[in-house]
Amino acid sequence: MAEGLLRHLYGDQFEVYSAGIAASQVKPMAVEVMEEIGVDMSSHTSKDLSALEAVPKDYVVTVCDAAHEACPYVPARIQLVHKGFPPPSAGMTTEEEKRASFRMVRDAIKTWLENEFVPMTNLKNTTP
């Protein structure tokens, strides 16, 4: 969800890539709740970090505490950025509880990205 949101909000200013510790699947409910706010993630795929080794990174962003702790060091030319969010739907039993949890995490990530990356976009667009 963070990749989709960052592309949606600031895709004209950043090249956004996403990878995890291990490739898995993009959860269908994540795709569904992102579509609710106009973000199409239907073509997103899950990749592991090795898929992005050759890509130079200005910023490395982690949004999961487990990934942040288990992730090997990935160098960023400018900044490492971390904010832990709970795994969506953890401990939820009904579909509606799970959907509500995905929406809550989606909205929390969106708010955080808007606050965290606005200063960065302002810096990036400033010419000396």
Protein backbone atom coordinates (compact mmCIF):
# COMPACT_ATOMS: atom_id res chain seq x y z
CA MET A 1 0.00 0.00 0.00
CA ALA A 2 2.86 2.39 0.73
CA GLU A 3 4.25 1.95 -2.77
CA GLY A 4 0.86 2.61 -4.37
CA LEU A 5 0.23 5.64 -2.20
CA LEU A 6 3.68 7.12 -2.74
CA ARG A 7 3.34 6.68 -6.51
CA HIS A 8 -0.14 8.21 -6.37
CA LEU A 9 0.89 11.19 -4.25
CA TYR A 10 4.39 11.93 -5.53
CA GLY A 11 4.99 9.73 -8.57
CA ASP A 12 5.83 12.82 -10.61
CA GLN A 13 8.68 13.61 -8.21
CA PHE A 14 10.03 10.21 -7.18
CA GLU A 15 10.73 6.89 -8.86
CA VAL A 16 9.10 4.46 -6.45
CA TYR A 17 10.08 0.82 -6.05
CA SER A 18 8.87 -1.68 -3.51
CA ALA A 19 10.37 -4.88 -2.20
CA GLY A 20 10.23 -6.99 0.91
CA ILE A 21 12.43 -9.45 2.72
CA ALA A 22 10.89 -12.21 0.60
CA ALA A 23 8.54 -12.12 -2.37
CA SER A 24 5.00 -13.11 -1.46
CA GLN A 25 1.73 -11.88 -2.89
CA VAL A 26 -0.04 -8.57 -2.90
CA LYS A 27 -3.04 -9.13 -0.69
CA PRO A 28 -6.31 -8.84 -2.65
CA MET A 29 -7.89 -6.82 0.16
CA ALA A 30 -5.05 -4.28 -0.09
CA VAL A 31 -5.78 -3.92 -3.80
CA GLU A 32 -9.50 -3.54 -3.00
CA VAL A 33 -9.16 -0.81 -0.36
CA MET A 34 -6.65 1.11 -2.45
CA GLU A 35 -9.06 1.07 -5.38
CA GLU A 36 -11.63 2.72 -3.09
CA ILE A 37 -9.45 5.86 -3.02
CA GLY A 38 -8.54 5.77 -6.70
CA VAL A 39 -5.19 3.98 -6.48
CA ASP A 40 -4.87 1.05 -8.89
CA MET A 41 -2.57 -1.64 -7.52
CA SER A 42 -3.98 -4.48 -9.64
CA SER A 43 -0.73 -4.85 -11.58
CA HIS A 44 1.59 -4.61 -8.55
CA THR A 45 3.72 -7.61 -7.77
CA SER A 46 5.67 -8.56 -4.69
CA LYS A 47 9.45 -8.56 -5.10
CA ASP A 48 12.31 -9.38 -2.79
CA LEU A 49 15.18 -6.98 -2.16
CA SER A 50 17.53 -8.72 -4.60
CA ALA A 51 15.31 -7.51 -7.47
CA LEU A 52 16.33 -3.93 -6.66
CA GLU A 53 20.01 -4.33 -5.78
CA ALA A 54 21.26 -2.41 -8.82
CA VAL A 55 18.82 0.49 -8.38
CA PRO A 56 20.45 3.54 -6.73
CA LYS A 57 18.31 4.69 -3.82
CA ASP A 58 18.07 8.21 -2.47
CA TYR A 59 15.57 7.19 0.21
CA VAL A 60 14.89 3.79 1.73
CA VAL A 61 11.50 3.66 3.41
CA THR A 62 10.26 0.85 5.67
CA VAL A 63 6.72 0.68 7.01
CA CYS A 64 6.79 -2.60 8.90
CA ASP A 65 8.70 -3.10 12.15
CA ALA A 66 9.44 -6.75 11.36
CA ALA A 67 10.89 -5.84 7.97
CA HIS A 68 12.84 -2.95 9.47
CA GLU A 69 14.43 -5.25 12.04
CA ALA A 70 15.04 -8.19 9.70
CA CYS A 71 16.03 -6.16 6.65
CA PRO A 72 19.67 -6.20 5.70
CA TYR A 73 21.27 -2.79 5.54
CA VAL A 74 20.17 -1.07 2.34
CA PRO A 75 22.15 2.10 1.70
CA ALA A 76 20.33 5.33 0.93
CA ARG A 77 22.20 8.23 -0.60
CA ILE A 78 20.10 10.75 1.32
CA GLN A 79 18.03 9.19 4.11
CA LEU A 80 16.65 6.06 5.71
CA VAL A 81 13.03 6.58 6.77
CA HIS A 82 11.03 4.22 9.00
CA LYS A 83 7.57 4.24 10.48
CA GLY A 84 6.05 1.03 11.77
CA PHE A 85 2.41 0.25 11.00
CA PRO A 86 0.51 -2.79 12.28
CA PRO A 87 -0.04 -5.63 9.84
CA PRO A 88 -3.54 -5.11 8.39
CA SER A 89 -6.14 -7.59 9.57
CA ALA A 90 -3.89 -9.23 12.18
CA GLY A 91 -6.19 -10.96 14.65
CA MET A 92 -9.34 -10.05 12.73
CA THR A 93 -11.84 -12.79 11.99
CA THR A 94 -14.64 -11.41 9.81
CA GLU A 95 -14.18 -10.01 6.32
CA GLU A 96 -15.59 -6.66 7.41
CA GLU A 97 -13.16 -6.45 10.36
CA LYS A 98 -10.27 -7.25 8.02
CA ARG A 99 -11.44 -4.67 5.47
CA ALA A 100 -11.79 -2.03 8.20
CA SER A 101 -8.26 -2.84 9.39
CA PHE A 102 -6.84 -2.48 5.86
CA ARG A 103 -8.62 0.86 5.51
CA MET A 104 -7.26 2.08 8.84
CA VAL A 105 -3.67 1.13 7.94
CA ARG A 106 -4.09 2.57 4.43
CA ASP A 107 -5.27 5.89 5.85
CA ALA A 108 -2.52 5.99 8.48
CA ILE A 109 0.17 5.32 5.85
CA LYS A 110 -1.30 8.00 3.57
CA THR A 111 -1.31 10.62 6.34
CA TRP A 112 2.25 9.73 7.33
CA LEU A 113 3.51 9.89 3.73
CA GLU A 114 1.84 13.26 3.19
CA ASN A 115 3.55 14.63 6.31
CA GLU A 116 6.91 12.91 5.82
CA PHE A 117 7.46 13.51 2.12
CA VAL A 118 6.13 17.07 1.70
CA PRO A 119 9.35 18.52 3.16
CA MET A 120 11.38 16.17 0.95
CA THR A 121 9.52 17.18 -2.20
CA ASN A 122 10.03 20.84 -1.31
CA LEU A 123 13.77 20.23 -0.93
CA LYS A 124 13.96 18.27 -4.15
CA ASN A 125 12.23 21.04 -6.11
CA THR A 126 14.43 23.80 -4.68
CA THR A 127 17.22 24.95 -6.95
CA PRO A 128 20.33 26.62 -5.48
